[in-house]
Every structure is written in C-alpha cells, then in structure tokens.
C-alpha cells in the first residue's frame, strides 16, 4: 500500500511521472512480496528477553549480522561517496541492510514491553538497553540515507525499490534468527523463490525503463516506431537519386567525383 501511495502522491503533488512499465513494476513488486509473505513460515514464539538473547547469540545469526555490518560499512564509507549521487541502489541498500537491525530491535523491545506490564524486571536486563541503542542508531541511519535518496532520485522509484529490498532483507533476517526454514515445505520454498523472482522483475522494470515515455495512450505509436526503423543510406545512393530525378531521358549522364 505504501508503494502505490508514494507513486500516486509523488505524481500528483511533486510532478514526478511514472510510466506504464514503472506502474507494472510496482504491481509486480507488491505481488512478489505478497507471495513471499504468504509462503514464509511462521516465526517461533519468543516470549522472554532471555529467549531472545539466546537467539541473538547463536553463531549463525552472529555471522549473518557481521556480514550485514561489513556490507553496510563498505556502502557507507566507500561506495556512497563515489556512486551514491548517481546510483539509486547505494543509499537504499544501506537503508535496507540497517533495517534488519531495526526490525530485530523492535521485536525484542516488543517482548520487553510485554514483560514490563507483566511485572518482570526488564529494565534491569542489559539486552533492553542494547536494543534501545541499536534501534535509535539504525533508525537514524535509515532516515538519513532515505532523505538523501529522496533529494536526488524520483520518489516513485525510491519507495518501491526500498520497499522490495527492505522486505527481502527483513524476511531473510527473520528466517535466520528464528530458524524458520527448518519447517518450510517444498511448496513454501517454491512459492518464496517465485515471489522473489517476481520482485526482481518488478525492480528491473522500475529501474531500467524509468526514462522512457510509455503509456497506454502512446503504446501503439511506440511499438510501430520500433518496428519501422529508419533505413540508413550512404552519400552515393543519395547522389544517384538526386541525379536521376533531375535529368531527362535524353540528357547525357553526369559523373560525380568524390574526394576524401
């Protein structure tokens, strides 16, 4: 819903155009994300901060978090200064990677809030404050780079691509953190892969054809102009046509000499 709203509002309020392929890419992104969510396994129930802490300390998640941090630092300190102004994926990838930590922090803080109202000593638990610091730092970074991306690129492109990247990374983080892939069936795996491929197709349509003027009104003209490509003729053919149109049958033929 946020993807469609941003595309429509940016068109009417900001004057940013989204062509036919861009709208199709938005729809494919939503369809692919919906298919992934439908086939994604349900997360394991975690009710206490101790259980959440044990999940966060597992080697698989620590390795995954270290890889995300390394990718994030590479994007922030190396790629963003060089390619952030020209490539829309740089800033949005930073926001999406950081989003894995913000969503995990929100999950843990939700458990802490439930425990607080249940009378548990959650304020004395060190994980509560670690999650608060992580959430503030991650959200601040996301807002910073999302605003940079919105200042440079088209809003109708920023939100769909950010939505797709963010959703994909968050689902992957949830699967690794709660080991949901163990309970997935073959149908769910196929559905998840198909949904992911649909998302990739939607992002490709959004990003690759964003500068083309394609709509339902001019679609027949665009297809006809592509089919009727202009014929390239050299100077010799043009000179012969001009000569043949300017002489009568009884005139003597003219000779043209072309010097390089």
C-alpha atoms as a PDB file:
ATOM      1  CA  UNK A   1       0.000   0.000   0.000  1.00  0.00           C
ATOM      2  CA  UNK A   2       2.855   2.408   0.760  1.00  0.00           C
ATOM      3  CA  UNK A   3       4.385   1.743  -2.668  1.00  0.00           C
ATOM      4  CA  UNK A   4       1.186   2.634  -4.503  1.00  0.00           C
ATOM      5  CA  UNK A   5       0.523   5.670  -2.298  1.00  0.00           C
ATOM      6  CA  UNK A   6       4.024   7.065  -2.817  1.00  0.00           C
ATOM      7  CA  UNK A   7       3.787   6.544  -6.583  1.00  0.00           C
ATOM      8  CA  UNK A   8       0.384   8.240  -6.820  1.00  0.00           C
ATOM      9  CA  UNK A   9       1.130  11.121  -4.426  1.00  0.00           C
ATOM     10  CA  UNK A  10       4.521  11.862  -5.987  1.00  0.00           C
ATOM     11  CA  UNK A  11       2.816  12.035  -9.370  1.00  0.00           C
ATOM     12  CA  UNK A  12       0.119  14.479  -8.267  1.00  0.00           C
ATOM     13  CA  UNK A  13       1.973  16.535  -5.634  1.00  0.00           C
ATOM     14  CA  UNK A  14       5.579  16.530  -6.863  1.00  0.00           C
ATOM     15  CA  UNK A  15       5.019  16.284 -10.606  1.00  0.00           C
ATOM     16  CA  UNK A  16       7.115  13.115 -10.907  1.00  0.00           C
ATOM     17  CA  UNK A  17       5.993  10.826 -13.705  1.00  0.00           C
ATOM     18  CA  UNK A  18       5.818   7.058 -13.523  1.00  0.00           C
ATOM     19  CA  UNK A  19       5.440   5.415 -16.915  1.00  0.00           C
ATOM     20  CA  UNK A  20       3.463   2.297 -17.739  1.00  0.00           C
ATOM     21  CA  UNK A  21       6.360  -0.070 -17.091  1.00  0.00           C
ATOM     22  CA  UNK A  22       7.034   1.636 -13.767  1.00  0.00           C
ATOM     23  CA  UNK A  23       3.437   1.092 -12.682  1.00  0.00           C
ATOM     24  CA  UNK A  24       3.669  -2.525 -13.794  1.00  0.00           C
ATOM     25  CA  UNK A  25       6.877  -2.837 -11.772  1.00  0.00           C
ATOM     26  CA  UNK A  26       5.077  -1.508  -8.671  1.00  0.00           C
ATOM     27  CA  UNK A  27       2.339  -4.082  -9.074  1.00  0.00           C
ATOM     28  CA  UNK A  28       4.831  -6.914  -9.610  1.00  0.00           C
ATOM     29  CA  UNK A  29       6.767  -5.839  -6.530  1.00  0.00           C
ATOM     30  CA  UNK A  30       3.618  -5.931  -4.431  1.00  0.00           C
ATOM     31  CA  UNK A  31       2.573  -9.292  -5.871  1.00  0.00           C
ATOM     32  CA  UNK A  32       6.013 -10.809  -5.301  1.00  0.00           C
ATOM     33  CA  UNK A  33       6.218  -9.520  -1.732  1.00  0.00           C
ATOM     34  CA  UNK A  34       2.721 -10.811  -1.006  1.00  0.00           C
ATOM     35  CA  UNK A  35       3.616 -14.258  -2.340  1.00  0.00           C
ATOM     36  CA  UNK A  36       6.760 -14.308  -0.201  1.00  0.00           C
ATOM     37  CA  UNK A  37       4.827 -13.335   2.925  1.00  0.00           C
ATOM     38  CA  UNK A  38       2.126 -15.938   2.234  1.00  0.00           C
ATOM     39  CA  UNK A  39       4.670 -18.744   1.870  1.00  0.00           C
ATOM     40  CA  UNK A  40       7.013 -17.529   4.594  1.00  0.00           C
ATOM     41  CA  UNK A  41       6.966 -19.796   7.638  1.00  0.00           C
ATOM     42  CA  UNK A  42       5.568 -18.596  10.930  1.00  0.00           C
ATOM     43  CA  UNK A  43       8.188 -17.407  13.376  1.00  0.00           C
ATOM     44  CA  UNK A  44       8.946 -19.340  16.518  1.00  0.00           C
ATOM     45  CA  UNK A  45       7.263 -17.909  19.573  1.00  0.00           C
ATOM     46  CA  UNK A  46       9.703 -15.995  21.790  1.00  0.00           C
ATOM     47  CA  UNK A  47       8.185 -14.629  24.978  1.00  0.00           C
ATOM     48  CA  UNK A  48      11.087 -13.534  27.211  1.00  0.00           C
ATOM     49  CA  UNK A  49      14.247 -11.485  26.841  1.00  0.00           C
ATOM     50  CA  UNK A  50      16.341 -14.480  27.867  1.00  0.00           C
ATOM     51  CA  UNK A  51      14.988 -16.464  24.925  1.00  0.00           C
ATOM     52  CA  UNK A  52      15.595 -13.510  22.635  1.00  0.00           C
ATOM     53  CA  UNK A  53      19.138 -13.162  23.971  1.00  0.00           C
ATOM     54  CA  UNK A  54      19.878 -16.830  23.302  1.00  0.00           C
ATOM     55  CA  UNK A  55      18.619 -16.403  19.725  1.00  0.00           C
ATOM     56  CA  UNK A  56      20.829 -13.385  19.150  1.00  0.00           C
ATOM     57  CA  UNK A  57      23.918 -15.188  20.496  1.00  0.00           C
ATOM     58  CA  UNK A  58      23.701 -18.119  18.113  1.00  0.00           C
ATOM     59  CA  UNK A  59      26.668 -18.428  15.701  1.00  0.00           C
ATOM     60  CA  UNK A  60      24.517 -18.378  12.587  1.00  0.00           C
ATOM     61  CA  UNK A  61      22.905 -15.055  13.402  1.00  0.00           C
ATOM     62  CA  UNK A  62      26.175 -13.525  14.633  1.00  0.00           C
ATOM     63  CA  UNK A  63      27.826 -14.440  11.319  1.00  0.00           C
ATOM     64  CA  UNK A  64      24.892 -13.020   9.388  1.00  0.00           C
ATOM     65  CA  UNK A  65      24.951  -9.798  11.438  1.00  0.00           C
ATOM     66  CA  UNK A  66      28.707  -9.438  10.904  1.00  0.00           C
ATOM     67  CA  UNK A  67      28.238  -9.788   7.136  1.00  0.00           C
ATOM     68  CA  UNK A  68      25.480  -7.157   7.158  1.00  0.00           C
ATOM     69  CA  UNK A  69      27.662  -4.754   9.143  1.00  0.00           C
ATOM     70  CA  UNK A  70      30.594  -5.290   6.774  1.00  0.00           C
ATOM     71  CA  UNK A  71      28.363  -4.637   3.754  1.00  0.00           C
ATOM     72  CA  UNK A  72      26.913  -1.562   5.434  1.00  0.00           C
ATOM     73  CA  UNK A  73      30.330  -0.087   6.255  1.00  0.00           C
ATOM     74  CA  UNK A  74      31.510  -0.793   2.697  1.00  0.00           C
ATOM     75  CA  UNK A  75      28.494   1.021   1.292  1.00  0.00           C
ATOM     76  CA  UNK A  76      28.727   3.991   3.670  1.00  0.00           C
ATOM     77  CA  UNK A  77      32.459   4.693   3.551  1.00  0.00           C
ATOM     78  CA  UNK A  78      33.425   3.537   0.049  1.00  0.00           C
ATOM     79  CA  UNK A  79      30.512   3.254  -2.386  1.00  0.00           C
ATOM     80  CA  UNK A  80      28.246   6.052  -1.128  1.00  0.00           C
ATOM     81  CA  UNK A  81      30.783   8.904  -1.593  1.00  0.00           C
ATOM     82  CA  UNK A  82      31.604   7.686  -5.107  1.00  0.00           C
ATOM     83  CA  UNK A  83      28.346   6.345  -6.539  1.00  0.00           C
ATOM     84  CA  UNK A  84      25.610   7.495  -4.170  1.00  0.00           C
ATOM     85  CA  UNK A  85      24.731  10.526  -6.285  1.00  0.00           C
ATOM     86  CA  UNK A  86      24.295   8.503  -9.475  1.00  0.00           C
ATOM     87  CA  UNK A  87      23.105   5.032  -8.423  1.00  0.00           C
ATOM     88  CA  UNK A  88      19.785   4.746  -6.628  1.00  0.00           C
ATOM     89  CA  UNK A  89      20.614   1.335  -5.161  1.00  0.00           C
ATOM     90  CA  UNK A  90      23.506   2.543  -2.968  1.00  0.00           C
ATOM     91  CA  UNK A  91      21.561   4.634  -0.437  1.00  0.00           C
ATOM     92  CA  UNK A  92      18.564   2.316  -0.497  1.00  0.00           C
ATOM     93  CA  UNK A  93      20.710  -0.749   0.149  1.00  0.00           C
ATOM     94  CA  UNK A  94      22.162   0.990   3.201  1.00  0.00           C
ATOM     95  CA  UNK A  95      18.652   1.676   4.497  1.00  0.00           C
ATOM     96  CA  UNK A  96      17.564  -1.889   3.844  1.00  0.00           C
ATOM     97  CA  UNK A  97      20.598  -3.519   5.476  1.00  0.00           C
ATOM     98  CA  UNK A  98      20.228  -1.327   8.563  1.00  0.00           C
ATOM     99  CA  UNK A  99      16.536  -2.222   8.567  1.00  0.00           C
ATOM    100  CA  UNK A 100      17.430  -5.789   9.556  1.00  0.00           C
ATOM    101  CA  UNK A 101      18.758  -4.469  12.878  1.00  0.00           C
ATOM    102  CA  UNK A 102      15.887  -2.062  13.448  1.00  0.00           C
ATOM    103  CA  UNK A 103      13.224  -4.744  12.931  1.00  0.00           C
ATOM    104  CA  UNK A 104      15.066  -7.194  15.214  1.00  0.00           C
ATOM    105  CA  UNK A 105      15.330  -4.461  17.849  1.00  0.00           C
ATOM    106  CA  UNK A 106      11.626  -3.684  17.574  1.00  0.00           C
ATOM    107  CA  UNK A 107      10.878  -7.399  18.021  1.00  0.00           C
ATOM    108  CA  UNK A 108      12.962  -7.527  21.198  1.00  0.00           C
ATOM    109  CA  UNK A 109      11.570  -4.271  22.583  1.00  0.00           C
ATOM    110  CA  UNK A 110       8.046  -5.542  21.995  1.00  0.00           C
ATOM    111  CA  UNK A 111       8.877  -8.524  24.186  1.00  0.00           C
ATOM    112  CA  UNK A 112      10.396  -6.178  26.768  1.00  0.00           C
ATOM    113  CA  UNK A 113       7.276  -4.000  26.859  1.00  0.00           C
ATOM    114  CA  UNK A 114       5.075  -7.038  27.353  1.00  0.00           C
ATOM    115  CA  UNK A 115       7.323  -8.186  30.159  1.00  0.00           C
ATOM    116  CA  UNK A 116       7.280  -4.741  31.774  1.00  0.00           C
ATOM    117  CA  UNK A 117       3.483  -4.708  32.004  1.00  0.00           C
ATOM    118  CA  UNK A 118       3.602  -8.292  33.269  1.00  0.00           C
ATOM    119  CA  UNK A 119       5.767  -7.197  36.200  1.00  0.00           C
ATOM    120  CA  UNK A 120       9.082  -8.641  35.023  1.00  0.00           C
ATOM    121  CA  UNK A 121      12.370  -6.804  35.758  1.00  0.00           C
ATOM    122  CA  UNK A 122      13.052  -5.948  32.114  1.00  0.00           C
ATOM    123  CA  UNK A 123      14.702  -2.609  32.907  1.00  0.00           C
ATOM    124  CA  UNK A 124      17.494  -4.414  34.735  1.00  0.00           C
ATOM    125  CA  UNK A 125      18.140  -6.672  31.758  1.00  0.00           C
ATOM    126  CA  UNK A 126      21.120  -5.403  29.683  1.00  0.00           C
ATOM    127  CA  UNK A 127      19.535  -6.575  26.427  1.00  0.00           C
ATOM    128  CA  UNK A 128      16.771  -3.969  26.786  1.00  0.00           C
ATOM    129  CA  UNK A 129      19.202  -1.062  26.636  1.00  0.00           C
ATOM    130  CA  UNK A 130      21.268  -2.693  23.893  1.00  0.00           C
ATOM    131  CA  UNK A 131      18.110  -2.974  21.802  1.00  0.00           C
ATOM    132  CA  UNK A 132      17.186   0.660  22.508  1.00  0.00           C
ATOM    133  CA  UNK A 133      20.614   1.916  21.409  1.00  0.00           C
ATOM    134  CA  UNK A 134      20.553  -0.306  18.319  1.00  0.00           C
ATOM    135  CA  UNK A 135      17.069   0.865  17.382  1.00  0.00           C
ATOM    136  CA  UNK A 136      17.926   4.570  17.718  1.00  0.00           C
ATOM    137  CA  UNK A 137      21.159   4.211  15.727  1.00  0.00           C
ATOM    138  CA  UNK A 138      19.585   2.132  12.966  1.00  0.00           C
ATOM    139  CA  UNK A 139      16.508   4.326  12.535  1.00  0.00           C
ATOM    140  CA  UNK A 140      18.648   7.487  12.479  1.00  0.00           C
ATOM    141  CA  UNK A 141      20.850   5.990   9.771  1.00  0.00           C
ATOM    142  CA  UNK A 142      17.845   4.846   7.750  1.00  0.00           C
ATOM    143  CA  UNK A 143      16.203   8.284   7.861  1.00  0.00           C
ATOM    144  CA  UNK A 144      19.454   9.998   6.912  1.00  0.00           C
ATOM    145  CA  UNK A 145      20.145   7.952   3.798  1.00  0.00           C
ATOM    146  CA  UNK A 146      16.495   7.702   2.799  1.00  0.00           C
ATOM    147  CA  UNK A 147      16.278  11.508   2.797  1.00  0.00           C
ATOM    148  CA  UNK A 148      19.458  11.696   0.722  1.00  0.00           C
ATOM    149  CA  UNK A 149      17.950   9.308  -1.784  1.00  0.00           C
ATOM    150  CA  UNK A 150      14.693  11.277  -1.935  1.00  0.00           C
ATOM    151  CA  UNK A 151      16.617  14.520  -2.534  1.00  0.00           C
ATOM    152  CA  UNK A 152      18.298  13.073  -5.620  1.00  0.00           C
ATOM    153  CA  UNK A 153      16.031  10.480  -7.203  1.00  0.00           C
ATOM    154  CA  UNK A 154      12.413  10.179  -8.210  1.00  0.00           C
ATOM    155  CA  UNK A 155      10.101   9.416  -5.302  1.00  0.00           C
ATOM    156  CA  UNK A 156       8.105   6.987  -7.435  1.00  0.00           C
ATOM    157  CA  UNK A 157      11.278   4.926  -7.859  1.00  0.00           C
ATOM    158  CA  UNK A 158      12.721   5.291  -4.356  1.00  0.00           C
ATOM    159  CA  UNK A 159       9.841   3.848  -2.374  1.00  0.00           C
ATOM    160  CA  UNK A 160       9.155   0.710  -4.470  1.00  0.00           C
ATOM    161  CA  UNK A 161      12.833  -0.258  -4.638  1.00  0.00           C
ATOM    162  CA  UNK A 162      13.328   0.486  -0.937  1.00  0.00           C
ATOM    163  CA  UNK A 163      10.208  -1.491  -0.078  1.00  0.00           C
ATOM    164  CA  UNK A 164      11.381  -4.521  -2.041  1.00  0.00           C
ATOM    165  CA  UNK A 165      14.936  -4.512  -0.656  1.00  0.00           C
ATOM    166  CA  UNK A 166      13.794  -3.841   2.894  1.00  0.00           C
ATOM    167  CA  UNK A 167      11.156  -6.609   2.845  1.00  0.00           C
ATOM    168  CA  UNK A 168      13.555  -9.154   1.377  1.00  0.00           C
ATOM    169  CA  UNK A 169      16.304  -8.478   3.935  1.00  0.00           C
ATOM    170  CA  UNK A 170      13.869  -8.449   6.853  1.00  0.00           C
ATOM    171  CA  UNK A 171      12.344 -11.789   5.844  1.00  0.00           C
ATOM    172  CA  UNK A 172      15.824 -13.261   5.443  1.00  0.00           C
ATOM    173  CA  UNK A 173      16.825 -11.962   8.872  1.00  0.00           C
ATOM    174  CA  UNK A 174      13.720 -13.422  10.461  1.00  0.00           C
ATOM    175  CA  UNK A 175      14.363 -16.810   8.856  1.00  0.00           C
ATOM    176  CA  UNK A 176      17.970 -16.896  10.108  1.00  0.00           C
ATOM    177  CA  UNK A 177      17.183 -15.538  13.571  1.00  0.00           C
ATOM    178  CA  UNK A 178      14.272 -17.861  14.336  1.00  0.00           C
ATOM    179  CA  UNK A 179      15.357 -20.788  12.096  1.00  0.00           C
ATOM    180  CA  UNK A 180      12.046 -20.797  10.281  1.00  0.00           C
ATOM    181  CA  UNK A 181      13.474 -22.546   7.222  1.00  0.00           C
ATOM    182  CA  UNK A 182      13.524 -25.861   9.098  1.00  0.00           C
ATOM    183  CA  UNK A 183       9.724 -26.123   8.991  1.00  0.00           C
ATOM    184  CA  UNK A 184       9.289 -24.950   5.377  1.00  0.00           C
ATOM    185  CA  UNK A 185       7.664 -27.339   2.911  1.00  0.00           C
ATOM    186  CA  UNK A 186       8.566 -27.756  -0.754  1.00  0.00           C
ATOM    187  CA  UNK A 187       5.531 -25.707  -1.779  1.00  0.00           C
ATOM    188  CA  UNK A 188       6.578 -22.852   0.525  1.00  0.00           C
ATOM    189  CA  UNK A 189      10.130 -22.921  -0.815  1.00  0.00           C
ATOM    190  CA  UNK A 190       8.912 -22.791  -4.427  1.00  0.00           C
ATOM    191  CA  UNK A 191       6.449 -20.013  -3.567  1.00  0.00           C
ATOM    192  CA  UNK A 192       9.142 -17.990  -1.827  1.00  0.00           C
ATOM    193  CA  UNK A 193      11.543 -18.341  -4.765  1.00  0.00           C
ATOM    194  CA  UNK A 194       8.826 -17.402  -7.277  1.00  0.00           C
ATOM    195  CA  UNK A 195       7.871 -14.386  -5.195  1.00  0.00           C
ATOM    196  CA  UNK A 196      11.496 -13.282  -5.025  1.00  0.00           C
ATOM    197  CA  UNK A 197      11.913 -13.618  -8.802  1.00  0.00           C
ATOM    198  CA  UNK A 198       8.739 -11.575  -9.298  1.00  0.00           C
ATOM    199  CA  UNK A 199      10.181  -8.866  -7.069  1.00  0.00           C
ATOM    200  CA  UNK A 200      13.394  -8.823  -9.109  1.00  0.00           C
ATOM    201  CA  UNK A 201      11.370  -8.428 -12.314  1.00  0.00           C
ATOM    202  CA  UNK A 202       9.387  -5.570 -10.798  1.00  0.00           C
ATOM    203  CA  UNK A 203      12.533  -3.736  -9.694  1.00  0.00           C
ATOM    204  CA  UNK A 204      14.053  -4.231 -13.140  1.00  0.00           C
ATOM    205  CA  UNK A 205      11.025  -2.677 -14.841  1.00  0.00           C
ATOM    206  CA  UNK A 206      11.128   0.239 -12.414  1.00  0.00           C
ATOM    207  CA  UNK A 207      14.813   0.960 -12.804  1.00  0.00           C
ATOM    208  CA  UNK A 208      15.635   0.030 -16.412  1.00  0.00           C
ATOM    209  CA  UNK A 209      12.825   1.879 -18.236  1.00  0.00           C
ATOM    210  CA  UNK A 210      12.265   4.855 -15.910  1.00  0.00           C
ATOM    211  CA  UNK A 211      13.286   7.429 -18.563  1.00  0.00           C
ATOM    212  CA  UNK A 212      11.070   6.085 -21.360  1.00  0.00           C
ATOM    213  CA  UNK A 213       7.810   7.847 -22.188  1.00  0.00           C
ATOM    214  CA  UNK A 214       5.485   4.834 -22.320  1.00  0.00           C
ATOM    215  CA  UNK A 215       1.784   4.965 -21.528  1.00  0.00           C
ATOM    216  CA  UNK A 216      -1.382   3.245 -22.675  1.00  0.00           C
ATOM    217  CA  UNK A 217      -2.103   6.166 -24.987  1.00  0.00           C
ATOM    218  CA  UNK A 218       1.163   6.158 -26.931  1.00  0.00           C
ATOM    219  CA  UNK A 219       1.924   2.445 -26.683  1.00  0.00           C
ATOM    220  CA  UNK A 220       0.816   1.670 -30.294  1.00  0.00           C
ATOM    221  CA  UNK A 221       2.965   4.523 -31.644  1.00  0.00           C
ATOM    222  CA  UNK A 222       5.982   3.329 -29.636  1.00  0.00           C
ATOM    223  CA  UNK A 223       5.639  -0.214 -30.938  1.00  0.00           C
ATOM    224  CA  UNK A 224       5.131   0.998 -34.516  1.00  0.00           C
ATOM    225  CA  UNK A 225       8.163   3.288 -34.378  1.00  0.00           C
ATOM    226  CA  UNK A 226      10.318   0.401 -33.129  1.00  0.00           C
ATOM    227  CA  UNK A 227       9.144  -1.862 -35.950  1.00  0.00           C
ATOM    228  CA  UNK A 228       9.673   0.739 -38.666  1.00  0.00           C
ATOM    229  CA  UNK A 229      13.319   1.539 -38.135  1.00  0.00           C
ATOM    230  CA  UNK A 230      14.779   4.208 -40.446  1.00  0.00           C
ATOM    231  CA  UNK A 231      16.899   2.974 -43.356  1.00  0.00           C
ATOM    232  CA  UNK A 232      20.414   4.393 -43.370  1.00  0.00           C
ATOM    233  CA  UNK A 233      21.666   5.371 -46.809  1.00  0.00           C
ATOM    234  CA  UNK A 234      25.115   6.494 -47.808  1.00  0.00           C
ATOM    235  CA  UNK A 235      26.030   9.552 -49.866  1.00  0.00           C
ATOM    236  CA  UNK A 236      26.363   7.544 -53.085  1.00  0.00           C
ATOM    237  CA  UNK A 237      22.719   6.458 -53.029  1.00  0.00           C
ATOM    238  CA  UNK A 238      21.537   9.982 -52.269  1.00  0.00           C
ATOM    239  CA  UNK A 239      23.558  11.424 -55.151  1.00  0.00           C
ATOM    240  CA  UNK A 240      22.177   8.824 -57.568  1.00  0.00           C
ATOM    241  CA  UNK A 241      18.594   9.595 -56.530  1.00  0.00           C
ATOM    242  CA  UNK A 242      19.126  13.328 -56.945  1.00  0.00           C
ATOM    243  CA  UNK A 243      20.777  12.806 -60.318  1.00  0.00           C
ATOM    244  CA  UNK A 244      18.034  10.525 -61.634  1.00  0.00           C
ATOM    245  CA  UNK A 245      15.289  12.923 -60.572  1.00  0.00           C
ATOM    246  CA  UNK A 246      16.898  15.944 -62.186  1.00  0.00           C
ATOM    247  CA  UNK A 247      17.774  14.638 -65.679  1.00  0.00           C
ATOM    248  CA  UNK A 248      15.575  13.784 -68.612  1.00  0.00           C
ATOM    249  CA  UNK A 249      15.975  10.558 -70.616  1.00  0.00           C
ATOM    250  CA  UNK A 250      17.671  12.396 -73.472  1.00  0.00           C
ATOM    251  CA  UNK A 251      20.223  14.144 -71.263  1.00  0.00           C
ATOM    252  CA  UNK A 252      23.711  12.848 -71.001  1.00  0.00           C
ATOM    253  CA  UNK A 253      24.629  11.100 -67.752  1.00  0.00           C
ATOM    254  CA  UNK A 254      26.563  13.110 -65.217  1.00  0.00           C
ATOM    255  CA  UNK A 255      29.655  11.882 -63.435  1.00  0.00           C
ATOM    256  CA  UNK A 256      30.212  12.687 -59.770  1.00  0.00           C
ATOM    257  CA  UNK A 257      33.680  12.572 -58.311  1.00  0.00           C
ATOM    258  CA  UNK A 258      34.010  12.409 -54.526  1.00  0.00           C
ATOM    259  CA  UNK A 259      37.347  13.346 -52.973  1.00  0.00           C
ATOM    260  CA  UNK A 260      38.400  12.348 -49.460  1.00  0.00           C
END
